[in-house]
Amino acid sequence: MTKPGHLGFILNNVIVTGADVDLTTHHHEDIRVFILRPGDLNNDTFINSLDTTLLLQNYGAVTPDNMHMDLNGDGFINAADRVIIQQNFGHRPIEVDMLDYVDFC
């Protein structure tokens, strides 16, 4: 699961047997709640100083080319977006292995 400017959420070893899968009803919160952390502006799966640099280079109004950098959706790339990167600094994508939840399979 991905969103531009955000870290992804990775599920490994999902077994689907033909029925619909609705993970939002699963009893394990780390499967039921998907967290896509904003701040991975260069899509390298890590929120770091490269993302901060890219944000600073694009300070100002949002354009079609940089709209994924407006992390809070206020129409501007500014200090509020930089705070979001700082809050998520050092994070990588969340990865869940479904084999850890045998009762689900």
Foldseek 3Di string as FASTA:
>chain_A
DDDAQWAAAAEADDDDDPDDDQQCPDPDVVRNDADTQGAPNVPPQALAVVSVVVLVVQFFADDPVRVSQPPVPPRTSDVVSVVSSVVCHGDGHHYHYCVVVVVVD
